[in-house]
Amino acid sequence: MLALFVGGSMAACPKILDHKMKNLEGKTIDLCKYSGQVVLAVNTASKCGFTPQFEELEALHQNYKDQGFTVIGFPANDFGSQEPGSNQEIKEFCELNYGVKFPMMEKSSVKKKTANPIFAQLIDATGVTPKWNFYKYLISRDGEEVYSFSSVTSPNSKKLLNKLKALLEIES
C-alpha cells in the first residue's frame, strides 16, 4: 500500500487526489501531497461577477491552513469566456489583485465531458457539475466525503464554514 508522510501522519492518497497536474508556473504537482488535508477545490475565473471570492478564499486558506486545510484553484474558461488569459496572466491577476497564495493549477476545463481528472471525479462523487465559475467542492481528509457548493455560496457562508469545521474537527 502506498502511503505518504503528511502533516505528521501516514495518509494513503485518496483516489480523488491521485492525479498530477501542472500549476500556473508549469510545474507538475502531485495532488497526493494534499492527502490527509481537507481540500476546497474551486473552479475560478478572473472576469466574473464572483471573482471577488478570491479574497474570501485566500482568507479561508490562511485561517485554516495550520489545521490541515488548503484551497486549490482550477482556472477555467468554460463559462462566459471569463478566463481568457494565459496561465501567467492569471497568476499575476490573482496575486496582484487578491494576494492569492493558495495553490492554483493551470487553466483547464471543468465541464463534465471535458473536465480535468480531478473535476471529473468531483462531479462523479457529488453528481453536481459546475454550472458557472466558483463552484466549490469540499473534500474530506480521506477523500471519502465530498460536498459541493454553488457559485452563490460565499466561502464565508455559515453553510460552508460549518461543514469545513466539522471536517477539521473544530468546534463552531
Protein backbone atom coordinates (compact mmCIF):
# COMPACT_ATOMS: atom_id res chain seq x y z
CA MET A 1 0.00 0.00 0.00
CA LEU A 2 1.34 3.39 -0.98
CA ALA A 3 1.37 5.80 1.92
CA LEU A 4 2.72 9.29 2.25
CA PHE A 5 4.03 11.03 5.35
CA VAL A 6 1.92 14.16 5.50
CA GLY A 7 1.48 16.64 8.31
CA GLY A 8 2.77 14.29 10.97
CA SER A 9 0.64 11.29 9.99
CA MET A 10 0.64 8.49 7.48
CA ALA A 11 -2.07 9.02 4.88
CA ALA A 12 -2.83 6.92 1.83
CA CYS A 13 -3.55 9.00 -1.24
CA PRO A 14 -7.31 9.15 -1.83
CA LYS A 15 -8.31 8.23 -5.37
CA ILE A 16 -9.87 11.66 -5.83
CA LEU A 17 -6.45 13.32 -5.29
CA ASP A 18 -4.39 10.69 -7.11
CA HIS A 19 -3.55 12.97 -10.04
CA LYS A 20 -0.65 15.02 -11.29
CA MET A 21 -1.43 18.44 -12.73
CA LYS A 22 0.60 21.47 -13.66
CA ASN A 23 0.31 24.66 -11.66
CA LEU A 24 0.22 28.16 -13.15
CA GLU A 25 4.04 28.20 -13.29
CA GLY A 26 4.04 24.97 -15.34
CA LYS A 27 5.44 22.83 -12.51
CA THR A 28 3.94 19.35 -12.17
CA ILE A 29 2.17 18.96 -8.82
CA ASP A 30 1.26 15.58 -7.39
CA LEU A 31 -2.08 16.26 -5.71
CA CYS A 32 -1.37 13.32 -3.36
CA LYS A 33 0.71 15.85 -1.41
CA TYR A 34 -2.63 17.10 -0.05
CA SER A 35 -3.54 13.64 1.33
CA GLY A 36 -4.66 13.93 4.93
CA GLN A 37 -5.82 17.51 4.43
CA VAL A 38 -9.28 18.91 3.91
CA VAL A 39 -9.27 20.43 0.42
CA LEU A 40 -11.56 23.02 -1.14
CA ALA A 41 -11.32 22.71 -4.94
CA VAL A 42 -12.72 25.75 -6.75
CA ASN A 43 -13.11 26.50 -10.46
CA THR A 44 -12.07 30.12 -10.85
CA ALA A 45 -12.22 32.93 -13.41
CA SER A 46 -10.71 36.42 -13.45
CA LYS A 47 -13.52 38.29 -15.21
CA CYS A 48 -16.59 37.01 -13.37
CA GLY A 49 -19.04 38.67 -11.00
CA PHE A 50 -17.90 36.11 -8.41
CA THR A 51 -14.19 36.93 -8.87
CA PRO A 52 -14.08 38.89 -5.57
CA GLN A 53 -14.50 35.49 -3.86
CA PHE A 54 -10.73 35.13 -4.37
CA GLU A 55 -10.28 37.41 -1.35
CA GLU A 56 -12.51 35.25 0.85
CA LEU A 57 -10.90 32.04 -0.46
CA GLU A 58 -7.44 33.35 0.42
CA ALA A 59 -8.61 34.39 3.91
CA LEU A 60 -10.15 30.94 4.42
CA HIS A 61 -6.91 29.31 3.28
CA GLN A 62 -4.82 31.44 5.65
CA ASN A 63 -7.21 30.97 8.61
CA TYR A 64 -7.27 27.17 8.45
CA LYS A 65 -4.06 26.06 6.70
CA ASP A 66 -2.36 25.28 10.01
CA GLN A 67 -5.21 22.91 10.87
CA GLY A 68 -4.75 20.80 7.74
CA PHE A 69 -6.75 22.71 5.13
CA THR A 70 -5.96 24.06 1.69
CA VAL A 71 -7.80 25.77 -1.13
CA ILE A 72 -6.81 24.74 -4.66
CA GLY A 73 -7.90 26.91 -7.58
CA PHE A 74 -8.64 25.50 -11.02
CA PRO A 75 -8.96 28.35 -13.55
CA ALA A 76 -11.38 27.56 -16.36
CA ASN A 77 -12.66 29.45 -19.39
CA ASP A 78 -15.78 27.26 -19.64
CA PHE A 79 -18.41 29.79 -18.62
CA GLY A 80 -18.89 33.06 -20.47
CA SER A 81 -15.25 33.09 -21.63
CA GLN A 82 -14.44 34.77 -18.31
CA GLU A 83 -10.91 33.35 -18.02
CA PRO A 84 -9.34 34.29 -21.38
CA GLY A 85 -5.82 34.95 -20.07
CA SER A 86 -2.70 32.82 -20.16
CA ASN A 87 -1.53 30.97 -17.06
CA GLN A 88 0.98 33.77 -16.40
CA GLU A 89 -1.71 36.45 -16.74
CA ILE A 90 -4.00 34.52 -14.37
CA LYS A 91 -1.17 34.18 -11.82
CA GLU A 92 -0.36 37.89 -11.94
CA PHE A 93 -4.03 38.89 -11.72
CA CYS A 94 -4.70 36.70 -8.68
CA GLU A 95 -1.55 37.75 -6.83
CA LEU A 96 -1.75 41.48 -7.59
CA ASN A 97 -5.49 41.96 -7.09
CA TYR A 98 -6.30 39.45 -4.35
CA GLY A 99 -3.00 38.39 -2.79
CA VAL A 100 -3.69 34.74 -3.68
CA LYS A 101 -1.11 32.40 -2.17
CA PHE A 102 -3.12 29.16 -2.24
CA PRO A 103 -2.18 26.68 -4.98
CA MET A 104 -3.53 27.43 -8.45
CA MET A 105 -3.42 24.80 -11.17
CA GLU A 106 -3.04 25.59 -14.87
CA LYS A 107 -6.12 26.59 -16.83
CA SER A 108 -8.23 23.56 -17.76
CA SER A 109 -11.84 22.57 -18.32
CA VAL A 110 -14.23 21.69 -15.51
CA LYS A 111 -17.24 20.79 -17.67
CA LYS A 112 -18.42 17.20 -17.40
CA LYS A 113 -17.34 15.85 -20.81
CA THR A 114 -14.02 17.72 -20.96
CA ALA A 115 -13.25 18.12 -17.25
CA ASN A 116 -9.73 17.77 -15.90
CA PRO A 117 -9.27 14.47 -14.00
CA ILE A 118 -9.96 15.82 -10.51
CA PHE A 119 -13.10 17.70 -11.55
CA ALA A 120 -14.33 14.61 -13.41
CA GLN A 121 -14.06 12.70 -10.13
CA LEU A 122 -15.62 15.52 -8.10
CA ILE A 123 -18.59 15.54 -10.49
CA ASP A 124 -18.90 11.75 -10.21
CA ALA A 125 -18.63 11.86 -6.40
CA THR A 126 -21.30 14.53 -5.92
CA GLY A 127 -23.47 14.25 -9.02
CA VAL A 128 -23.04 18.03 -9.33
CA THR A 129 -21.47 19.57 -12.43
CA PRO A 130 -20.33 23.19 -12.18
CA LYS A 131 -22.90 25.43 -13.81
CA TRP A 132 -20.75 28.55 -13.52
CA ASN A 133 -17.45 29.83 -12.16
CA PHE A 134 -16.59 29.50 -8.47
CA TYR A 135 -18.29 26.17 -7.80
CA LYS A 136 -16.67 24.70 -4.71
CA TYR A 137 -16.04 21.08 -3.72
CA LEU A 138 -15.01 20.35 -0.13
CA ILE A 139 -13.08 17.08 0.17
CA SER A 140 -12.56 15.28 3.49
CA ARG A 141 -9.09 14.26 4.66
CA ASP A 142 -9.57 10.68 3.45
CA GLY A 143 -11.34 11.70 0.23
CA GLU A 144 -14.42 9.66 1.17
CA GLU A 145 -16.69 12.68 1.68
CA VAL A 146 -17.17 15.38 -0.95
CA TYR A 147 -19.60 18.28 -0.63
CA SER A 148 -20.48 20.76 -3.38
CA PHE A 149 -21.36 24.42 -3.07
CA SER A 150 -22.62 26.63 -5.90
CA SER A 151 -21.17 29.92 -7.08
CA VAL A 152 -23.57 31.92 -4.93
CA THR A 153 -22.33 30.21 -1.76
CA SER A 154 -19.73 32.53 -0.31
CA PRO A 155 -16.54 30.98 1.08
CA ASN A 156 -17.52 32.72 4.34
CA SER A 157 -21.06 31.33 4.37
CA LYS A 158 -22.25 29.58 7.52
CA LYS A 159 -23.11 26.51 5.41
CA LEU A 160 -19.56 26.09 4.04
CA LEU A 161 -17.80 27.09 7.26
CA ASN A 162 -19.84 24.66 9.38
CA LYS A 163 -19.02 21.77 7.04
CA LEU A 164 -15.33 22.79 6.94
CA LYS A 165 -15.12 22.99 10.74
CA ALA A 166 -16.81 19.59 11.06
CA LEU A 167 -14.28 18.03 8.67
CA LEU A 168 -11.41 19.72 10.53
CA GLU A 169 -13.00 18.68 13.84
CA ILE A 170 -13.12 22.27 15.10
CA GLU A 171 -15.96 23.28 17.41
CA SER A 172 -18.16 26.03 15.98
